[in-house]
Amino acid sequence: MKADDIRTRFLEFFAARGHLVGEPASLVPAGDPSVLFTTAGMQQFKPYYLGVETPPATRITTCQRCFRTSDIENVGRTGRHLTFFEMLGNFSFGDYFKDEAIAWALELSDELGVDRSRVWVSVFGGDAQVPADDEAAALWQKHGFPAERILRLGRKDNFWGPAGPTGPCGPCSELYFDFGPEVGCGRPDCAPGCDCDRFLEYWNLVFVQYEMDEAGNLTPLPRPSIDTGMGIERIAAVTQGVASVYESDLFRPLVERSAELAGVRPDASPAVVRAVRTMAEHARAAAFLVMDGVLPGNEGRDYVLRRIIRRAVQQGVSIGVGEPFLATLTGMVVEMMGHAYPRLVEARGEIAEVVSEEERRFRRTLEQGMAILDEALRRARDAGTELPAEVAFELHDTYGFPLDLTADMCREHGVTVDVAGFDAAMAQQKETARAAGKFGGGVQLPAELVARLAPTRFLGYDTL
């Protein structure tokens, strides 16, 4: 089933069950300074869950675009991790609760063609703060799900939220699809919750029962509610019979075009697989971020956009893409998704201009920075040490390498980075810059760091 059909079927399913089809929020949260991006479908509804505002309906369904920074380093390395994704959700604000949410999750999974014999579910196993969710386990069985495929997992897997440091949260129940041992890790204890690609979590049902404060204390909400999230990229992979989101119709054209630009097969080597996936994923994410008003910069969400653009460029160059390519890929994103997101079409020109300019800036310094990194990596490998903080700092400050990009490339060679030293140098730079601004003095780095730095050449403000 194509992703477009899944999107339509999901919204129609819940509309037929009394849900208002709501408008998605921007990737830039309105009135919520606690987070950089919209990371979940429920985020715009936090006031409704907390009871401080009245919702337009007690049942709402949406297709929400989301962006999460937590998985940036895993993009391309696995078949399931993304930064940008669409989250299909159904929400109840003091209306229905666990029984209906579980029944409808099974019913819609069946309608979408998910093979129930390959589905597993998990429920919260309980801890010192929240009891085990035996009620959810019993409801799954009530609706015909076999007890032997119901697992009880801990807080890491089966307690969701809040979206930010505080807010509504609760135990959750997840649906996993088993792609089979051939795509797994091979461990005898491999099961839902494992870090490999065998068991793909495609739907999360959150039973919103608590509000968490800054100290982590939980207060029961006056009206238990429902928040579910189904990643459209993941359910597309399941229904299309492919074990990776990058093989679904949402990504396959972008991945294949990325490989064409490099003159290689998409599956030529593990390095190529990772590179073309990263190029495709980050181009898609960049297009939507720019559409929602984010521009590359050095702070906050602007720096996140800069990071993903530069990671995509580095990965493209690493497999031989000699000419600028990001505008080509973002143009494909507009063609593929503009019918579902008309604002993408309206922003086509700005998206192309923004990503092209950022790619141009980074390409000016990438080759020089890579030469420095390659030599430092050789020394670190020979000595069995980590990459020195001063090298990571120089790459960041002079050549525009985000730290996570440097760490990624080091990881490929089995070398770690002195992150603590890098952070200390960054903090010192900010402090001396602040002092210089206050007292009119110059900016100085720590003397011990300067002594170890190689001479550098000013490359222009636009390379930052």
Foldseek 3Di string as FASTA:
>chain_A
DALVVVQVLLQVLVVVVVAAEDDADAQQDDPDPQDRGAAARCPNVQCLQQVVDPDPDQKHKYWYKYADPPCLLCQLVAQEDFGIFIWTKIKGRLDDFLLVVLLVVVVVCVVLPFDLVQKAKEWACQDPQGHTPVVNLVSNVVNPRDSVRYYHDHCVPFKDDDPGLKGWTAGKMWMWGALDPVQFPPDPPDHPVDPTLGIHTFKMKTFTFWIQDNVRDTDGRPGTMIIMIGTSLRVQCSSVVHSGSCVGPLHVVQLCVLCVLLVHGCPRDSLSSSLSSLLLRLLLVLLSCVLSPAAQDDDRPNVVNLQSLLLNLVSSVVSHNDDDDSLVNNVVSCVVCCVVPVSSVVCNVVSSVRSVLSSVLLVVQVVVLVVLLVVQLVVCVVVVAARELLNLLCCCPARNHDSSSSQSVSVVVVHGHPVVSVVVQVVQQVVQVVVCVVPVDDGDTPPVSVVPDDDDDHDDPSND
